[in-house]
Amino acid sequence: MKAPSKKSKREAPLRSDEKASFIASAIRHDIIFGRFRPRERLLEEELSERFDAGRHVIRAALEELERMEMVVRRPSRGAVVADHTPQEIEQLYEMREILQREAALRIPLPASKDLVEKLRSLNEEFSKSFRAGRLAEASDINDKFHRTLFEACGNPYLADSIEQYWVKTSAMHSYAIGTPGSAERSHSEHLGIIEAAEKGERDLLIQRCLDHMRPALNSYLQAQRAFNVGST
């Protein structure tokens, strides 16, 4: 007797809050990789059609992005992609430098074998993702690499402050992942950070953490200048 065929299980539909978070993440990646430009309007009707979601879900997603400071609401224009002046960007990065320097001062060195293995594993995942063209995945893994590193400082409030400014600058520090050669450089710089932590070289660790921030920032500022010239 022939066994009955198994029916494939249907995935349970996402709850409204889960769908809003999924949509927010998708739009966040669109902003990070330049598919949505600074000051560009995010039309609820278009987003509702694209994601097959009600307007209330789209608004919840935009509110989540607004809390990340990636989207702002403007009178008569609705939600638009956030834009920062070069001075504001430098000030945001100055805050990141202050916080990350302090965290690097507090990470126990030489770094534990467990921390080193986690960082190496994440860096290899990062490499595989960007080489396969999975940029959104590479961006998320890059986030996790830095979160894992700075959480090792042992102060959850400091780590949380770093995370807040990391999110505020996500469109800036992730921009270079899609730029030829930049992701490879990030992978190499990650290895340098891991090496300094593993060997217990505090000053070198601090310097490599700070130097690692600048190439992505410079790439973003260059792209922003080109965009501003093109939009005038």
C-alpha atoms as a PDB file:
ATOM      1  CA  MET A   1       0.000   0.000   0.000  1.00  0.00           C
ATOM      2  CA  LYS A   2       1.369   3.356  -1.040  1.00  0.00           C
ATOM      3  CA  ALA A   3       2.135   5.703   1.829  1.00  0.00           C
ATOM      4  CA  PRO A   4       0.221   8.977   1.720  1.00  0.00           C
ATOM      5  CA  SER A   5       2.322  11.877   0.492  1.00  0.00           C
ATOM      6  CA  LYS A   6       3.274  14.428   3.092  1.00  0.00           C
ATOM      7  CA  LYS A   7       1.890  17.890   2.581  1.00  0.00           C
ATOM      8  CA  SER A   8       4.386  20.659   2.955  1.00  0.00           C
ATOM      9  CA  LYS A   9       3.767  22.715   6.042  1.00  0.00           C
ATOM     10  CA  ARG A  10       2.638  26.272   5.456  1.00  0.00           C
ATOM     11  CA  GLU A  11       4.549  28.859   7.383  1.00  0.00           C
ATOM     12  CA  ALA A  12       2.471  30.612   9.988  1.00  0.00           C
ATOM     13  CA  PRO A  13       1.687  34.204   8.977  1.00  0.00           C
ATOM     14  CA  LEU A  14       3.665  36.882  10.743  1.00  0.00           C
ATOM     15  CA  ARG A  15       1.995  38.912  13.449  1.00  0.00           C
ATOM     16  CA  SER A  16       1.579  42.623  12.694  1.00  0.00           C
ATOM     17  CA  ASP A  17       4.514  43.600  14.912  1.00  0.00           C
ATOM     18  CA  GLU A  18       6.736  40.918  13.363  1.00  0.00           C
ATOM     19  CA  LYS A  19       5.805  42.023   9.846  1.00  0.00           C
ATOM     20  CA  ALA A  20       6.474  45.675  10.760  1.00  0.00           C
ATOM     21  CA  SER A  21       9.963  44.717  12.009  1.00  0.00           C
ATOM     22  CA  PHE A  22      10.606  42.672   8.859  1.00  0.00           C
ATOM     23  CA  ILE A  23       9.576  45.630   6.664  1.00  0.00           C
ATOM     24  CA  ALA A  24      11.649  48.064   8.749  1.00  0.00           C
ATOM     25  CA  SER A  25      14.689  45.819   8.268  1.00  0.00           C
ATOM     26  CA  ALA A  26      14.121  45.636   4.497  1.00  0.00           C
ATOM     27  CA  ILE A  27      13.774  49.427   4.199  1.00  0.00           C
ATOM     28  CA  ARG A  28      16.825  49.886   6.439  1.00  0.00           C
ATOM     29  CA  HIS A  29      18.899  47.822   4.018  1.00  0.00           C
ATOM     30  CA  ASP A  30      17.481  49.817   1.093  1.00  0.00           C
ATOM     31  CA  ILE A  31      18.692  53.008   2.801  1.00  0.00           C
ATOM     32  CA  ILE A  32      22.070  51.546   3.744  1.00  0.00           C
ATOM     33  CA  PHE A  33      22.850  50.453   0.191  1.00  0.00           C
ATOM     34  CA  GLY A  34      21.581  53.619  -1.470  1.00  0.00           C
ATOM     35  CA  ARG A  35      18.377  52.287  -3.005  1.00  0.00           C
ATOM     36  CA  PHE A  36      16.616  55.027  -1.056  1.00  0.00           C
ATOM     37  CA  ARG A  37      18.488  58.327  -1.088  1.00  0.00           C
ATOM     38  CA  PRO A  38      18.709  60.994   1.632  1.00  0.00           C
ATOM     39  CA  ARG A  39      15.600  63.240   1.636  1.00  0.00           C
ATOM     40  CA  GLU A  40      13.685  60.753  -0.562  1.00  0.00           C
ATOM     41  CA  ARG A  41      10.015  60.345   0.346  1.00  0.00           C
ATOM     42  CA  LEU A  42       8.812  56.958   1.571  1.00  0.00           C
ATOM     43  CA  LEU A  43       5.254  56.703   0.306  1.00  0.00           C
ATOM     44  CA  GLU A  44       2.988  54.543   2.442  1.00  0.00           C
ATOM     45  CA  GLU A  45       0.853  53.511  -0.519  1.00  0.00           C
ATOM     46  CA  GLU A  46       3.846  52.235  -2.506  1.00  0.00           C
ATOM     47  CA  LEU A  47       5.330  50.455   0.497  1.00  0.00           C
ATOM     48  CA  SER A  48       1.960  48.899   1.324  1.00  0.00           C
ATOM     49  CA  GLU A  49       1.731  47.484  -2.196  1.00  0.00           C
ATOM     50  CA  ARG A  50       5.355  46.323  -2.250  1.00  0.00           C
ATOM     51  CA  PHE A  51       5.138  44.437   1.047  1.00  0.00           C
ATOM     52  CA  ASP A  52       1.468  43.439   0.777  1.00  0.00           C
ATOM     53  CA  ALA A  53       0.810  45.025   4.160  1.00  0.00           C
ATOM     54  CA  GLY A  54      -1.802  47.330   5.639  1.00  0.00           C
ATOM     55  CA  ARG A  55      -1.069  51.010   6.137  1.00  0.00           C
ATOM     56  CA  HIS A  56      -0.980  50.565   9.920  1.00  0.00           C
ATOM     57  CA  VAL A  57       1.822  47.994   9.553  1.00  0.00           C
ATOM     58  CA  ILE A  58       3.763  50.314   7.226  1.00  0.00           C
ATOM     59  CA  ARG A  59       3.374  53.181   9.702  1.00  0.00           C
ATOM     60  CA  ALA A  60       4.667  50.951  12.516  1.00  0.00           C
ATOM     61  CA  ALA A  61       7.706  50.056  10.370  1.00  0.00           C
ATOM     62  CA  LEU A  62       8.383  53.728   9.617  1.00  0.00           C
ATOM     63  CA  GLU A  63       8.045  54.581  13.306  1.00  0.00           C
ATOM     64  CA  GLU A  64      10.671  51.930  14.084  1.00  0.00           C
ATOM     65  CA  LEU A  65      13.000  53.493  11.503  1.00  0.00           C
ATOM     66  CA  GLU A  66      12.270  56.920  12.949  1.00  0.00           C
ATOM     67  CA  ARG A  67      13.420  55.705  16.376  1.00  0.00           C
ATOM     68  CA  MET A  68      16.661  54.587  14.682  1.00  0.00           C
ATOM     69  CA  GLU A  69      16.905  58.123  13.215  1.00  0.00           C
ATOM     70  CA  MET A  70      17.040  56.675   9.701  1.00  0.00           C
ATOM     71  CA  VAL A  71      13.699  58.252   8.798  1.00  0.00           C
ATOM     72  CA  VAL A  72      12.194  61.604   9.757  1.00  0.00           C
ATOM     73  CA  ARG A  73       8.657  62.889   9.398  1.00  0.00           C
ATOM     74  CA  ARG A  74       8.260  66.319   7.839  1.00  0.00           C
ATOM     75  CA  PRO A  75       5.115  68.455   7.567  1.00  0.00           C
ATOM     76  CA  SER A  76       3.332  68.022   4.210  1.00  0.00           C
ATOM     77  CA  ARG A  77       5.973  65.487   3.057  1.00  0.00           C
ATOM     78  CA  GLY A  78       5.397  62.565   5.390  1.00  0.00           C
ATOM     79  CA  ALA A  79       8.255  60.145   5.999  1.00  0.00           C
ATOM     80  CA  VAL A  80      11.563  60.868   4.270  1.00  0.00           C
ATOM     81  CA  VAL A  81      15.005  59.288   4.472  1.00  0.00           C
ATOM     82  CA  ALA A  82      17.086  61.135   7.054  1.00  0.00           C
ATOM     83  CA  ASP A  83      19.850  63.385   5.865  1.00  0.00           C
ATOM     84  CA  HIS A  84      22.785  64.689   7.903  1.00  0.00           C
ATOM     85  CA  THR A  85      25.151  67.542   7.225  1.00  0.00           C
ATOM     86  CA  PRO A  86      28.869  66.677   7.020  1.00  0.00           C
ATOM     87  CA  GLN A  87      29.322  68.421  10.378  1.00  0.00           C
ATOM     88  CA  GLU A  88      26.602  66.291  11.997  1.00  0.00           C
ATOM     89  CA  ILE A  89      28.169  63.141  10.558  1.00  0.00           C
ATOM     90  CA  GLU A  90      31.581  64.079  11.961  1.00  0.00           C
ATOM     91  CA  GLN A  91      29.999  64.753  15.360  1.00  0.00           C
ATOM     92  CA  LEU A  92      28.252  61.372  15.343  1.00  0.00           C
ATOM     93  CA  TYR A  93      31.545  59.686  14.516  1.00  0.00           C
ATOM     94  CA  GLU A  94      33.298  61.668  17.230  1.00  0.00           C
ATOM     95  CA  MET A  95      30.854  60.190  19.738  1.00  0.00           C
ATOM     96  CA  ARG A  96      31.513  56.710  18.379  1.00  0.00           C
ATOM     97  CA  GLU A  97      35.263  57.247  18.703  1.00  0.00           C
ATOM     98  CA  ILE A  98      34.930  58.362  22.332  1.00  0.00           C
ATOM     99  CA  LEU A  99      32.746  55.395  23.263  1.00  0.00           C
ATOM    100  CA  GLN A 100      34.676  52.767  21.334  1.00  0.00           C
ATOM    101  CA  ARG A 101      38.003  53.967  22.692  1.00  0.00           C
ATOM    102  CA  GLU A 102      36.622  53.581  26.219  1.00  0.00           C
ATOM    103  CA  ALA A 103      35.296  50.105  25.459  1.00  0.00           C
ATOM    104  CA  ALA A 104      38.622  49.017  23.962  1.00  0.00           C
ATOM    105  CA  LEU A 105      40.322  50.204  27.151  1.00  0.00           C
ATOM    106  CA  ARG A 106      38.077  47.909  29.198  1.00  0.00           C
ATOM    107  CA  ILE A 107      38.153  44.673  27.176  1.00  0.00           C
ATOM    108  CA  PRO A 108      40.156  42.110  29.211  1.00  0.00           C
ATOM    109  CA  LEU A 109      43.397  41.369  27.375  1.00  0.00           C
ATOM    110  CA  PRO A 110      44.706  39.109  26.084  1.00  0.00           C
ATOM    111  CA  ALA A 111      41.218  38.346  24.783  1.00  0.00           C
ATOM    112  CA  SER A 112      39.740  35.018  25.824  1.00  0.00           C
ATOM    113  CA  LYS A 113      39.933  32.073  23.449  1.00  0.00           C
ATOM    114  CA  ASP A 114      36.118  32.063  23.271  1.00  0.00           C
ATOM    115  CA  LEU A 115      35.961  35.721  22.195  1.00  0.00           C
ATOM    116  CA  VAL A 116      38.705  35.278  19.607  1.00  0.00           C
ATOM    117  CA  GLU A 117      36.983  32.224  18.116  1.00  0.00           C
ATOM    118  CA  LYS A 118      33.623  34.022  17.951  1.00  0.00           C
ATOM    119  CA  LEU A 119      35.171  37.030  16.211  1.00  0.00           C
ATOM    120  CA  ARG A 120      37.089  34.874  13.725  1.00  0.00           C
ATOM    121  CA  SER A 121      33.951  32.875  12.928  1.00  0.00           C
ATOM    122  CA  LEU A 122      31.873  36.011  12.385  1.00  0.00           C
ATOM    123  CA  ASN A 123      34.555  37.538  10.189  1.00  0.00           C
ATOM    124  CA  GLU A 124      34.634  34.453   7.989  1.00  0.00           C
ATOM    125  CA  GLU A 125      30.823  34.495   7.716  1.00  0.00           C
ATOM    126  CA  PHE A 126      31.078  38.164   6.770  1.00  0.00           C
ATOM    127  CA  SER A 127      33.610  37.321   4.050  1.00  0.00           C
ATOM    128  CA  LYS A 128      31.502  34.502   2.587  1.00  0.00           C
ATOM    129  CA  SER A 129      28.402  36.696   2.498  1.00  0.00           C
ATOM    130  CA  PHE A 130      29.855  39.699   0.703  1.00  0.00           C
ATOM    131  CA  ARG A 131      31.778  37.503  -1.755  1.00  0.00           C
ATOM    132  CA  ALA A 132      28.496  35.775  -2.597  1.00  0.00           C
ATOM    133  CA  GLY A 133      26.846  39.162  -3.116  1.00  0.00           C
ATOM    134  CA  ARG A 134      24.571  38.813  -0.073  1.00  0.00           C
ATOM    135  CA  LEU A 135      25.160  42.375   1.053  1.00  0.00           C
ATOM    136  CA  ALA A 136      22.252  42.657   3.499  1.00  0.00           C
ATOM    137  CA  GLU A 137      23.438  39.496   5.232  1.00  0.00           C
ATOM    138  CA  ALA A 138      27.035  40.777   5.243  1.00  0.00           C
ATOM    139  CA  SER A 139      25.865  44.029   6.824  1.00  0.00           C
ATOM    140  CA  ASP A 140      24.027  42.175   9.590  1.00  0.00           C
ATOM    141  CA  ILE A 141      27.047  39.953  10.303  1.00  0.00           C
ATOM    142  CA  ASN A 142      29.302  43.014  10.376  1.00  0.00           C
ATOM    143  CA  ASP A 143      26.956  44.508  12.974  1.00  0.00           C
ATOM    144  CA  LYS A 144      27.225  41.346  15.045  1.00  0.00           C
ATOM    145  CA  PHE A 145      31.033  41.313  14.827  1.00  0.00           C
ATOM    146  CA  HIS A 146      31.322  44.788  16.320  1.00  0.00           C
ATOM    147  CA  ARG A 147      28.579  44.165  18.873  1.00  0.00           C
ATOM    148  CA  THR A 148      30.393  41.027  20.071  1.00  0.00           C
ATOM    149  CA  LEU A 149      33.701  42.887  20.305  1.00  0.00           C
ATOM    150  CA  PHE A 150      32.430  45.834  22.327  1.00  0.00           C
ATOM    151  CA  GLU A 151      30.134  43.814  24.578  1.00  0.00           C
ATOM    152  CA  ALA A 152      33.360  42.246  25.849  1.00  0.00           C
ATOM    153  CA  CYS A 153      34.098  45.533  27.644  1.00  0.00           C
ATOM    154  CA  GLY A 154      31.971  44.193  30.523  1.00  0.00           C
ATOM    155  CA  ASN A 155      29.863  47.343  30.914  1.00  0.00           C
ATOM    156  CA  PRO A 156      26.416  46.766  29.376  1.00  0.00           C
ATOM    157  CA  TYR A 157      25.551  50.472  29.548  1.00  0.00           C
ATOM    158  CA  LEU A 158      28.651  51.420  27.595  1.00  0.00           C
ATOM    159  CA  ALA A 159      27.972  48.645  25.079  1.00  0.00           C
ATOM    160  CA  ASP A 160      24.368  49.847  24.730  1.00  0.00           C
ATOM    161  CA  SER A 161      25.537  53.425  24.083  1.00  0.00           C
ATOM    162  CA  ILE A 162      27.887  52.158  21.373  1.00  0.00           C
ATOM    163  CA  GLU A 163      24.984  50.220  19.831  1.00  0.00           C
ATOM    164  CA  GLN A 164      22.799  53.335  19.777  1.00  0.00           C
ATOM    165  CA  TYR A 165      25.368  55.346  17.847  1.00  0.00           C
ATOM    166  CA  TRP A 166      26.113  52.340  15.647  1.00  0.00           C
ATOM    167  CA  VAL A 167      22.447  52.296  14.604  1.00  0.00           C
ATOM    168  CA  LYS A 168      22.396  56.086  14.078  1.00  0.00           C
ATOM    169  CA  THR A 169      25.322  55.765  11.649  1.00  0.00           C
ATOM    170  CA  SER A 170      24.344  52.474  10.006  1.00  0.00           C
ATOM    171  CA  ALA A 171      23.714  54.084   6.612  1.00  0.00           C
ATOM    172  CA  MET A 172      27.245  55.488   6.803  1.00  0.00           C
ATOM    173  CA  HIS A 173      29.320  52.594   8.111  1.00  0.00           C
ATOM    174  CA  SER A 174      27.508  49.973   5.974  1.00  0.00           C
ATOM    175  CA  TYR A 175      27.703  52.007   2.760  1.00  0.00           C
ATOM    176  CA  ALA A 176      31.211  50.785   1.959  1.00  0.00           C
ATOM    177  CA  ILE A 177      30.173  47.116   2.059  1.00  0.00           C
ATOM    178  CA  GLY A 178      28.685  47.560  -1.394  1.00  0.00           C
ATOM    179  CA  THR A 179      31.744  49.415  -2.700  1.00  0.00           C
ATOM    180  CA  PRO A 180      34.277  47.277  -4.631  1.00  0.00           C
ATOM    181  CA  GLY A 181      37.277  46.445  -2.470  1.00  0.00           C
ATOM    182  CA  SER A 182      35.877  48.016   0.708  1.00  0.00           C
ATOM    183  CA  ALA A 183      34.379  44.844   2.148  1.00  0.00           C
ATOM    184  CA  GLU A 184      37.665  42.989   1.556  1.00  0.00           C
ATOM    185  CA  ARG A 185      39.475  45.778   3.395  1.00  0.00           C
ATOM    186  CA  SER A 186      37.010  45.554   6.280  1.00  0.00           C
ATOM    187  CA  HIS A 187      37.623  41.805   6.497  1.00  0.00           C
ATOM    188  CA  SER A 188      41.385  42.417   6.658  1.00  0.00           C
ATOM    189  CA  GLU A 189      40.980  45.162   9.268  1.00  0.00           C
ATOM    190  CA  HIS A 190      38.803  42.860  11.379  1.00  0.00           C
ATOM    191  CA  LEU A 191      41.662  40.351  11.356  1.00  0.00           C
ATOM    192  CA  GLY A 192      44.012  43.074  12.577  1.00  0.00           C
ATOM    193  CA  ILE A 193      41.642  43.942  15.434  1.00  0.00           C
ATOM    194  CA  ILE A 194      41.362  40.266  16.422  1.00  0.00           C
ATOM    195  CA  GLU A 195      45.137  39.851  16.317  1.00  0.00           C
ATOM    196  CA  ALA A 196      45.725  42.865  18.590  1.00  0.00           C
ATOM    197  CA  ALA A 197      43.111  41.610  21.068  1.00  0.00           C
ATOM    198  CA  GLU A 198      44.496  38.074  21.033  1.00  0.00           C
ATOM    199  CA  LYS A 199      48.075  39.282  21.646  1.00  0.00           C
ATOM    200  CA  GLY A 200      46.981  41.687  24.375  1.00  0.00           C
ATOM    201  CA  GLU A 201      48.325  44.794  22.623  1.00  0.00           C
ATOM    202  CA  ARG A 202      46.016  47.444  24.083  1.00  0.00           C
ATOM    203  CA  ASP A 203      47.296  50.536  22.264  1.00  0.00           C
ATOM    204  CA  LEU A 204      47.281  48.714  18.937  1.00  0.00           C
ATOM    205  CA  LEU A 205      43.740  47.445  19.547  1.00  0.00           C
ATOM    206  CA  ILE A 206      42.488  50.963  20.271  1.00  0.00           C
ATOM    207  CA  GLN A 207      44.216  52.407  17.219  1.00  0.00           C
ATOM    208  CA  ARG A 208      42.937  49.677  14.897  1.00  0.00           C
ATOM    209  CA  CYS A 209      39.366  50.068  16.194  1.00  0.00           C
ATOM    210  CA  LEU A 210      39.497  53.819  15.519  1.00  0.00           C
ATOM    211  CA  ASP A 211      41.268  53.544  12.161  1.00  0.00           C
ATOM    212  CA  HIS A 212      38.677  50.981  11.053  1.00  0.00           C
ATOM    213  CA  MET A 213      35.947  53.620  11.255  1.00  0.00           C
ATOM    214  CA  ARG A 214      37.418  56.120   8.804  1.00  0.00           C
ATOM    215  CA  PRO A 215      37.378  54.390   5.379  1.00  0.00           C
ATOM    216  CA  ALA A 216      33.606  53.771   5.473  1.00  0.00           C
ATOM    217  CA  LEU A 217      32.994  57.318   6.700  1.00  0.00           C
ATOM    218  CA  ASN A 218      35.129  58.801   3.919  1.00  0.00           C
ATOM    219  CA  SER A 219      33.359  56.673   1.287  1.00  0.00           C
ATOM    220  CA  TYR A 220      29.972  57.830   2.541  1.00  0.00           C
ATOM    221  CA  LEU A 221      30.949  61.512   2.640  1.00  0.00           C
ATOM    222  CA  GLN A 222      32.302  61.260  -0.902  1.00  0.00           C
ATOM    223  CA  ALA A 223      29.070  59.663  -2.114  1.00  0.00           C
ATOM    224  CA  GLN A 224      27.010  62.265  -0.248  1.00  0.00           C
ATOM    225  CA  ARG A 225      28.899  65.113  -1.921  1.00  0.00           C
ATOM    226  CA  ALA A 226      28.347  63.546  -5.338  1.00  0.00           C
ATOM    227  CA  PHE A 227      24.639  63.086  -4.591  1.00  0.00           C
ATOM    228  CA  ASN A 228      24.243  66.677  -3.406  1.00  0.00           C
ATOM    229  CA  VAL A 229      25.956  68.004  -6.539  1.00  0.00           C
ATOM    230  CA  GLY A 230      23.762  65.813  -8.749  1.00  0.00           C
ATOM    231  CA  SER A 231      20.564  66.903  -7.027  1.00  0.00           C
ATOM    232  CA  THR A 232      21.207  70.656  -7.379  1.00  0.00           C
END
